[in-house]
Amino acid sequence: MHLLLRTHVAAPPAQVWQGFTRELFLALAPPFPPMRLLRFDGCQRGDEVEIELGGGPLRRRWTSLITEHGVQPDGTYFFVDEGQELPPPLVGWRHRHLLQPSADGGTIIVEDITYHTRFAWLDKLMYPVMWAQFAVRGPVYRRWFGKPGPTGR
């Protein structure tokens, strides 16, 4: 299943790239399920991020590996995290983060996510929940990197 969200912020891509820190990662965590950050190496190829979701006997580990990062010729910064250990029912996860320059000097933050379970019907059933988990990031990004001017989205 594919999920694509865009958020326009005032800061330029290089500044947004520098802002992808452990602190931002924690600020982006959705309110549910509870999350505990176990490891955050960064956003460069070879870095790992490990979290624990839920609590008590329902705790599940999620480990992602940063498999790509760089800057494209148009000035778009990017990194990709791929799930290594995923909580059920997920069996596949790939999340491309694009920090695209916008015409006003700001950045369009693109969340390009592909996920799957063992069943297509479950992928579709999970879509609204997945969308909600990532839609809450937009206001956080704008708090951290500024709202674009009146001509922005």
N, C-alpha and C. Protein backbone atom coordinates (compact mmCIF):
# COMPACT_ATOMS: atom_id res chain seq x y z
N MET A 1 0.85 -1.15 0.00
CA MET A 1 0.00 0.00 0.00
C MET A 1 0.90 1.22 0.00
N HIS A 2 0.47 2.28 -0.66
CA HIS A 2 1.27 3.49 -0.81
C HIS A 2 0.59 4.67 -0.13
N LEU A 3 1.37 5.43 0.60
CA LEU A 3 0.90 6.60 1.32
C LEU A 3 1.83 7.76 0.97
N LEU A 4 1.25 8.91 0.62
CA LEU A 4 2.05 10.07 0.21
C LEU A 4 1.48 11.32 0.87
N LEU A 5 2.29 11.99 1.67
CA LEU A 5 1.88 13.24 2.33
C LEU A 5 2.93 14.31 2.06
N ARG A 6 2.46 15.56 1.94
CA ARG A 6 3.36 16.69 1.69
C ARG A 6 3.08 17.79 2.71
N THR A 7 4.15 18.40 3.21
CA THR A 7 4.03 19.53 4.12
C THR A 7 4.98 20.63 3.66
N HIS A 8 4.46 21.83 3.49
CA HIS A 8 5.26 22.98 3.08
C HIS A 8 5.72 23.72 4.32
N VAL A 9 7.03 23.97 4.43
CA VAL A 9 7.59 24.72 5.56
C VAL A 9 8.45 25.86 5.03
N ALA A 10 8.75 26.83 5.90
CA ALA A 10 9.46 28.03 5.50
C ALA A 10 10.97 27.84 5.35
N ALA A 11 11.57 26.97 6.13
CA ALA A 11 13.03 26.80 6.13
C ALA A 11 13.50 26.14 4.82
N PRO A 12 14.71 26.49 4.36
CA PRO A 12 15.25 25.87 3.16
C PRO A 12 15.66 24.41 3.41
N PRO A 13 15.77 23.60 2.35
CA PRO A 13 16.07 22.18 2.51
C PRO A 13 17.31 21.86 3.36
N ALA A 14 18.39 22.61 3.19
CA ALA A 14 19.61 22.31 3.97
C ALA A 14 19.35 22.47 5.47
N GLN A 15 18.57 23.47 5.84
CA GLN A 15 18.25 23.69 7.25
C GLN A 15 17.32 22.59 7.77
N VAL A 16 16.36 22.19 6.94
CA VAL A 16 15.45 21.11 7.34
C VAL A 16 16.25 19.82 7.52
N TRP A 17 17.15 19.54 6.59
CA TRP A 17 18.00 18.34 6.69
C TRP A 17 18.74 18.32 8.02
N GLN A 18 19.33 19.45 8.39
CA GLN A 18 20.07 19.53 9.65
C GLN A 18 19.15 19.35 10.86
N GLY A 19 17.87 19.65 10.68
CA GLY A 19 16.90 19.55 11.78
C GLY A 19 16.34 18.17 12.00
N PHE A 20 16.69 17.21 11.14
CA PHE A 20 16.19 15.84 11.33
C PHE A 20 17.05 15.15 12.40
N THR A 21 16.73 15.45 13.64
CA THR A 21 17.49 14.99 14.80
C THR A 21 16.66 14.04 15.66
N ARG A 22 17.30 13.53 16.67
CA ARG A 22 16.61 12.69 17.66
C ARG A 22 15.43 13.45 18.27
N GLU A 23 15.62 14.73 18.56
CA GLU A 23 14.57 15.54 19.19
C GLU A 23 13.36 15.68 18.26
N LEU A 24 13.62 15.92 16.97
CA LEU A 24 12.51 16.01 16.02
C LEU A 24 11.82 14.66 15.92
N PHE A 25 12.58 13.57 15.85
CA PHE A 25 11.98 12.24 15.77
C PHE A 25 11.01 12.02 16.93
N LEU A 26 11.41 12.39 18.12
CA LEU A 26 10.54 12.23 19.29
C LEU A 26 9.31 13.14 19.19
N ALA A 27 9.49 14.35 18.70
CA ALA A 27 8.36 15.27 18.55
C ALA A 27 7.35 14.77 17.52
N LEU A 28 7.82 14.01 16.52
CA LEU A 28 6.95 13.51 15.46
C LEU A 28 6.15 12.27 15.86
N ALA A 29 6.47 11.68 17.00
CA ALA A 29 5.79 10.45 17.42
C ALA A 29 4.30 10.72 17.61
N PRO A 30 3.45 9.88 17.02
CA PRO A 30 2.01 10.05 17.21
C PRO A 30 1.63 9.75 18.66
N PRO A 31 0.46 10.25 19.08
CA PRO A 31 0.05 10.03 20.47
C PRO A 31 -0.26 8.56 20.80
N PHE A 32 -0.58 7.79 19.78
CA PHE A 32 -0.90 6.38 20.03
C PHE A 32 -0.37 5.55 18.87
N PRO A 33 0.21 4.41 19.10
CA PRO A 33 0.47 3.78 20.40
C PRO A 33 1.66 4.43 21.09
N PRO A 34 1.80 4.20 22.41
CA PRO A 34 2.95 4.74 23.12
C PRO A 34 4.25 4.25 22.46
N MET A 35 5.24 5.13 22.42
CA MET A 35 6.51 4.78 21.77
C MET A 35 7.67 5.13 22.69
N ARG A 36 8.67 4.25 22.69
CA ARG A 36 9.90 4.51 23.42
C ARG A 36 11.05 4.39 22.43
N LEU A 37 11.87 5.42 22.34
CA LEU A 37 13.01 5.41 21.42
C LEU A 37 14.17 4.69 22.09
N LEU A 38 14.63 3.62 21.45
CA LEU A 38 15.73 2.83 21.99
C LEU A 38 17.07 3.20 21.34
N ARG A 39 17.00 3.61 20.06
CA ARG A 39 18.23 3.93 19.34
C ARG A 39 17.90 4.89 18.20
N PHE A 40 18.73 5.92 18.04
CA PHE A 40 18.60 6.84 16.91
C PHE A 40 20.01 7.25 16.51
N ASP A 41 20.50 6.67 15.43
CA ASP A 41 21.85 6.98 14.96
C ASP A 41 21.88 8.24 14.10
N GLY A 42 20.80 8.51 13.38
CA GLY A 42 20.75 9.64 12.47
C GLY A 42 20.03 9.25 11.20
N CYS A 43 20.28 10.02 10.12
CA CYS A 43 19.54 9.84 8.87
C CYS A 43 20.47 9.59 7.68
N GLN A 44 21.61 9.00 7.93
CA GLN A 44 22.54 8.71 6.86
C GLN A 44 22.66 7.21 6.65
N ARG A 45 23.03 6.84 5.41
CA ARG A 45 23.13 5.42 5.06
C ARG A 45 23.91 4.65 6.13
N GLY A 46 23.32 3.55 6.58
CA GLY A 46 23.93 2.72 7.61
C GLY A 46 23.45 3.00 9.02
N ASP A 47 22.80 4.16 9.23
CA ASP A 47 22.26 4.48 10.55
C ASP A 47 21.05 3.61 10.85
N GLU A 48 20.81 3.38 12.12
CA GLU A 48 19.65 2.59 12.55
C GLU A 48 18.78 3.39 13.51
N VAL A 49 17.49 3.09 13.46
CA VAL A 49 16.52 3.65 14.39
C VAL A 49 15.75 2.46 14.96
N GLU A 50 15.64 2.45 16.28
CA GLU A 50 14.94 1.34 16.93
C GLU A 50 13.98 1.91 17.96
N ILE A 51 12.72 1.49 17.84
CA ILE A 51 11.71 1.94 18.78
C ILE A 51 10.97 0.74 19.35
N GLU A 52 10.30 0.99 20.46
CA GLU A 52 9.42 -0.01 21.07
C GLU A 52 8.03 0.62 21.10
N LEU A 53 7.07 -0.08 20.54
CA LEU A 53 5.69 0.39 20.49
C LEU A 53 4.86 -0.36 21.52
N GLY A 54 3.87 0.33 22.08
CA GLY A 54 2.96 -0.32 23.02
C GLY A 54 3.57 -0.46 24.39
N GLY A 55 2.93 -1.25 25.22
CA GLY A 55 3.41 -1.46 26.57
C GLY A 55 3.03 -2.82 27.08
N GLY A 56 3.65 -3.20 28.17
CA GLY A 56 3.36 -4.49 28.79
C GLY A 56 3.56 -5.65 27.84
N PRO A 57 2.64 -6.63 27.88
CA PRO A 57 2.80 -7.80 27.02
C PRO A 57 2.57 -7.49 25.53
N LEU A 58 2.06 -6.29 25.23
CA LEU A 58 1.80 -5.92 23.83
C LEU A 58 2.96 -5.13 23.22
N ARG A 59 4.08 -5.01 23.92
CA ARG A 59 5.24 -4.29 23.38
C ARG A 59 5.77 -4.97 22.14
N ARG A 60 6.08 -4.15 21.15
CA ARG A 60 6.64 -4.66 19.90
C ARG A 60 7.79 -3.77 19.47
N ARG A 61 8.84 -4.38 18.95
CA ARG A 61 10.01 -3.65 18.49
C ARG A 61 9.89 -3.32 17.01
N TRP A 62 10.41 -2.17 16.63
CA TRP A 62 10.46 -1.73 15.23
C TRP A 62 11.87 -1.20 14.99
N THR A 63 12.58 -1.85 14.10
CA THR A 63 13.93 -1.42 13.76
C THR A 63 13.98 -1.09 12.28
N SER A 64 14.52 0.09 11.97
CA SER A 64 14.68 0.51 10.58
C SER A 64 16.14 0.83 10.31
N LEU A 65 16.55 0.56 9.08
CA LEU A 65 17.91 0.85 8.62
C LEU A 65 17.82 1.94 7.56
N ILE A 66 18.66 2.96 7.67
CA ILE A 66 18.73 3.99 6.63
C ILE A 66 19.55 3.38 5.50
N THR A 67 18.91 3.16 4.36
CA THR A 67 19.55 2.47 3.24
C THR A 67 20.08 3.42 2.16
N GLU A 68 19.59 4.67 2.16
CA GLU A 68 20.05 5.66 1.19
C GLU A 68 19.94 7.04 1.80
N HIS A 69 20.83 7.93 1.38
CA HIS A 69 20.69 9.36 1.70
C HIS A 69 21.52 10.14 0.70
N GLY A 70 21.18 11.42 0.54
CA GLY A 70 21.96 12.25 -0.36
C GLY A 70 21.22 13.51 -0.75
N VAL A 71 21.78 14.16 -1.78
CA VAL A 71 21.19 15.38 -2.33
C VAL A 71 21.11 15.19 -3.84
N GLN A 72 19.92 15.39 -4.40
CA GLN A 72 19.71 15.27 -5.84
C GLN A 72 20.16 16.56 -6.53
N PRO A 73 20.39 16.51 -7.85
CA PRO A 73 20.85 17.69 -8.58
C PRO A 73 19.95 18.93 -8.42
N ASP A 74 18.65 18.73 -8.19
CA ASP A 74 17.74 19.88 -8.04
C ASP A 74 17.74 20.47 -6.62
N GLY A 75 18.60 19.94 -5.75
CA GLY A 75 18.67 20.44 -4.38
C GLY A 75 17.79 19.72 -3.39
N THR A 76 17.13 18.64 -3.82
CA THR A 76 16.29 17.83 -2.94
C THR A 76 17.17 16.94 -2.07
N TYR A 77 17.06 17.12 -0.76
CA TYR A 77 17.72 16.21 0.17
C TYR A 77 16.79 15.01 0.36
N PHE A 78 17.38 13.84 0.63
CA PHE A 78 16.53 12.66 0.84
C PHE A 78 17.23 11.65 1.73
N PHE A 79 16.41 10.81 2.35
CA PHE A 79 16.90 9.59 2.99
C PHE A 79 15.77 8.58 2.99
N VAL A 80 16.15 7.31 3.05
CA VAL A 80 15.19 6.21 2.99
C VAL A 80 15.43 5.30 4.19
N ASP A 81 14.35 5.01 4.92
CA ASP A 81 14.46 3.99 5.97
C ASP A 81 13.63 2.78 5.57
N GLU A 82 14.21 1.63 5.80
CA GLU A 82 13.54 0.36 5.47
C GLU A 82 13.45 -0.49 6.73
N GLY A 83 12.24 -1.03 6.96
CA GLY A 83 12.01 -1.85 8.14
C GLY A 83 12.81 -3.13 8.12
N GLN A 84 13.50 -3.40 9.22
CA GLN A 84 14.26 -4.63 9.39
C GLN A 84 13.52 -5.60 10.32
N GLU A 85 13.03 -5.07 11.42
CA GLU A 85 12.19 -5.82 12.36
C GLU A 85 10.93 -4.99 12.53
N LEU A 86 9.80 -5.57 12.17
CA LEU A 86 8.54 -4.83 12.17
C LEU A 86 7.52 -5.46 13.10
N PRO A 87 6.67 -4.62 13.69
CA PRO A 87 5.61 -5.18 14.54
C PRO A 87 4.52 -5.78 13.67
N PRO A 88 3.94 -6.89 14.11
CA PRO A 88 2.82 -7.45 13.36
C PRO A 88 1.68 -6.45 13.30
N PRO A 89 0.95 -6.40 12.25
CA PRO A 89 0.93 -7.31 11.11
C PRO A 89 1.83 -6.89 9.94
N LEU A 90 2.67 -5.85 10.13
CA LEU A 90 3.53 -5.41 9.03
C LEU A 90 4.58 -6.44 8.68
N VAL A 91 4.81 -6.60 7.38
CA VAL A 91 5.89 -7.46 6.91
C VAL A 91 6.81 -6.72 5.94
N GLY A 92 6.43 -5.51 5.56
CA GLY A 92 7.27 -4.70 4.68
C GLY A 92 7.07 -3.22 4.95
N TRP A 93 8.19 -2.45 4.91
CA TRP A 93 8.14 -1.02 5.18
C TRP A 93 9.28 -0.33 4.45
N ARG A 94 8.94 0.71 3.66
CA ARG A 94 9.94 1.56 3.02
C ARG A 94 9.42 2.99 3.08
N HIS A 95 10.21 3.89 3.66
CA HIS A 95 9.78 5.27 3.88
C HIS A 95 10.84 6.20 3.29
N ARG A 96 10.47 6.83 2.17
CA ARG A 96 11.34 7.84 1.55
C ARG A 96 10.96 9.21 2.09
N HIS A 97 11.96 9.93 2.57
CA HIS A 97 11.80 11.30 3.05
C HIS A 97 12.45 12.20 2.01
N LEU A 98 11.67 13.08 1.41
CA LEU A 98 12.20 14.03 0.43
C LEU A 98 12.04 15.44 0.98
N LEU A 99 13.09 16.23 0.87
CA LEU A 99 13.07 17.62 1.31
C LEU A 99 13.30 18.45 0.07
N GLN A 100 12.21 18.76 -0.63
CA GLN A 100 12.28 19.41 -1.94
C GLN A 100 12.27 20.93 -1.80
N PRO A 101 13.15 21.62 -2.56
CA PRO A 101 13.11 23.08 -2.53
C PRO A 101 11.79 23.58 -3.11
N SER A 102 11.21 24.59 -2.47
CA SER A 102 9.98 25.20 -3.01
C SER A 102 10.34 26.56 -3.61
N ALA A 103 9.49 27.06 -4.47
CA ALA A 103 9.75 28.31 -5.20
C ALA A 103 9.95 29.50 -4.27
N ASP A 104 9.38 29.45 -3.06
CA ASP A 104 9.49 30.58 -2.13
C ASP A 104 10.72 30.49 -1.23
N GLY A 105 11.61 29.53 -1.50
CA GLY A 105 12.82 29.37 -0.69
C GLY A 105 12.65 28.40 0.46
N GLY A 106 11.44 27.91 0.67
CA GLY A 106 11.17 26.94 1.73
C GLY A 106 11.38 25.51 1.24
N THR A 107 10.70 24.61 1.88
CA THR A 107 10.85 23.18 1.59
C THR A 107 9.48 22.51 1.57
N ILE A 108 9.33 21.57 0.65
CA ILE A 108 8.19 20.66 0.68
C ILE A 108 8.74 19.35 1.26
N ILE A 109 8.25 18.99 2.44
CA ILE A 109 8.65 17.72 3.07
C ILE A 109 7.68 16.67 2.56
N VAL A 110 8.21 15.66 1.89
CA VAL A 110 7.40 14.60 1.32
C VAL A 110 7.63 13.32 2.11
N GLU A 111 6.55 12.73 2.58
CA GLU A 111 6.58 11.42 3.24
C GLU A 111 6.03 10.43 2.22
N ASP A 112 6.89 9.60 1.66
CA ASP A 112 6.53 8.63 0.62
C ASP A 112 6.71 7.24 1.22
N ILE A 113 5.60 6.64 1.63
CA ILE A 113 5.64 5.39 2.40
C ILE A 113 4.99 4.25 1.64
N THR A 114 5.68 3.13 1.63
CA THR A 114 5.11 1.89 1.09
C THR A 114 5.16 0.86 2.21
N TYR A 115 4.03 0.25 2.51
CA TYR A 115 3.98 -0.77 3.55
C TYR A 115 3.11 -1.92 3.07
N HIS A 116 3.31 -3.07 3.67
CA HIS A 116 2.39 -4.17 3.40
C HIS A 116 2.39 -5.18 4.54
N THR A 117 1.26 -5.88 4.58
CA THR A 117 1.06 -6.99 5.50
C THR A 117 1.01 -8.24 4.61
N ARG A 118 0.55 -9.33 5.13
CA ARG A 118 0.42 -10.54 4.31
C ARG A 118 -0.86 -10.56 3.49
N PHE A 119 -1.75 -9.58 3.75
CA PHE A 119 -3.06 -9.59 3.10
C PHE A 119 -3.40 -8.21 2.53
N ALA A 120 -3.78 -8.17 1.27
CA ALA A 120 -4.14 -6.90 0.63
C ALA A 120 -5.32 -6.23 1.34
N TRP A 121 -6.28 -7.03 1.80
CA TRP A 121 -7.43 -6.45 2.49
C TRP A 121 -7.01 -5.77 3.79
N LEU A 122 -6.00 -6.31 4.47
CA LEU A 122 -5.52 -5.72 5.72
C LEU A 122 -4.73 -4.44 5.43
N ASP A 123 -3.97 -4.43 4.33
CA ASP A 123 -3.27 -3.20 3.91
C ASP A 123 -4.27 -2.07 3.76
N LYS A 124 -5.37 -2.34 3.09
CA LYS A 124 -6.40 -1.32 2.86
C LYS A 124 -7.08 -0.92 4.17
N LEU A 125 -7.33 -1.88 5.02
CA LEU A 125 -7.97 -1.60 6.30
C LEU A 125 -7.08 -0.71 7.18
N MET A 126 -5.78 -0.90 7.09
CA MET A 126 -4.84 -0.13 7.90
C MET A 126 -4.60 1.28 7.36
N TYR A 127 -4.97 1.53 6.11
CA TYR A 127 -4.65 2.80 5.45
C TYR A 127 -5.09 4.04 6.26
N PRO A 128 -6.33 4.11 6.73
CA PRO A 128 -6.73 5.31 7.49
C PRO A 128 -5.90 5.53 8.76
N VAL A 129 -5.56 4.45 9.42
CA VAL A 129 -4.75 4.54 10.64
C VAL A 129 -3.34 5.02 10.29
N MET A 130 -2.76 4.45 9.26
CA MET A 130 -1.41 4.85 8.84
C MET A 130 -1.42 6.31 8.41
N TRP A 131 -2.44 6.71 7.64
CA TRP A 131 -2.53 8.10 7.19
C TRP A 131 -2.58 9.04 8.41
N ALA A 132 -3.41 8.70 9.38
CA ALA A 132 -3.55 9.54 10.57
C ALA A 132 -2.24 9.63 11.35
N GLN A 133 -1.51 8.51 11.45
CA GLN A 133 -0.24 8.50 12.19
C GLN A 133 0.76 9.48 11.58
N PHE A 134 0.72 9.65 10.26
CA PHE A 134 1.68 10.52 9.59
C PHE A 134 1.13 11.92 9.32
N ALA A 135 -0.17 12.07 9.25
CA ALA A 135 -0.76 13.39 9.04
C ALA A 135 -0.48 14.32 10.23
N VAL A 136 -0.34 13.76 11.41
CA VAL A 136 -0.06 14.59 12.59
C VAL A 136 1.33 15.21 12.53
N ARG A 137 2.16 14.77 11.62
CA ARG A 137 3.51 15.33 11.50
C ARG A 137 3.52 16.73 10.90
N GLY A 138 2.54 17.04 10.03
CA GLY A 138 2.52 18.34 9.35
C GLY A 138 2.62 19.51 10.31
N PRO A 139 1.75 19.61 11.32
CA PRO A 139 1.84 20.72 12.27
C PRO A 139 3.18 20.75 13.04
N VAL A 140 3.73 19.58 13.32
CA VAL A 140 5.02 19.52 14.02
C VAL A 140 6.11 20.10 13.12
N TYR A 141 6.13 19.67 11.86
CA TYR A 141 7.12 20.21 10.93
C TYR A 141 7.00 21.73 10.85
N ARG A 142 5.79 22.26 10.80
CA ARG A 142 5.62 23.71 10.69
C ARG A 142 6.07 24.44 11.97
N ARG A 143 5.88 23.81 13.11
CA ARG A 143 6.39 24.42 14.36
C ARG A 143 7.91 24.46 14.36
N TRP A 144 8.54 23.38 13.88
CA TRP A 144 10.00 23.30 13.91
C TRP A 144 10.66 24.14 12.82
N PHE A 145 10.05 24.17 11.64
CA PHE A 145 10.70 24.79 10.48
C PHE A 145 9.98 26.02 9.95
N GLY A 146 8.92 26.44 10.60
CA GLY A 146 8.20 27.65 10.23
C GLY A 146 7.12 27.43 9.19
N LYS A 147 6.08 28.24 9.32
CA LYS A 147 5.00 28.22 8.33
C LYS A 147 5.44 29.05 7.14
N PRO A 148 5.11 28.58 5.93
CA PRO A 148 5.45 29.39 4.75
C PRO A 148 4.59 30.65 4.73
N GLY A 149 5.02 31.63 3.93
CA GLY A 149 4.30 32.90 3.82
C GLY A 149 2.92 32.73 3.21
N PRO A 150 2.20 33.82 3.01
CA PRO A 150 0.80 33.77 2.52
C PRO A 150 0.65 33.11 1.15
N THR A 151 1.72 33.07 0.35
CA THR A 151 1.60 32.40 -0.94
C THR A 151 1.84 30.91 -0.83
N GLY A 152 2.29 30.45 0.36
CA GLY A 152 2.57 29.02 0.56
C GLY A 152 1.30 28.23 0.78
N ARG A 153 1.44 26.90 0.76
CA ARG A 153 0.31 26.01 0.99
C ARG A 153 0.01 25.87 2.44
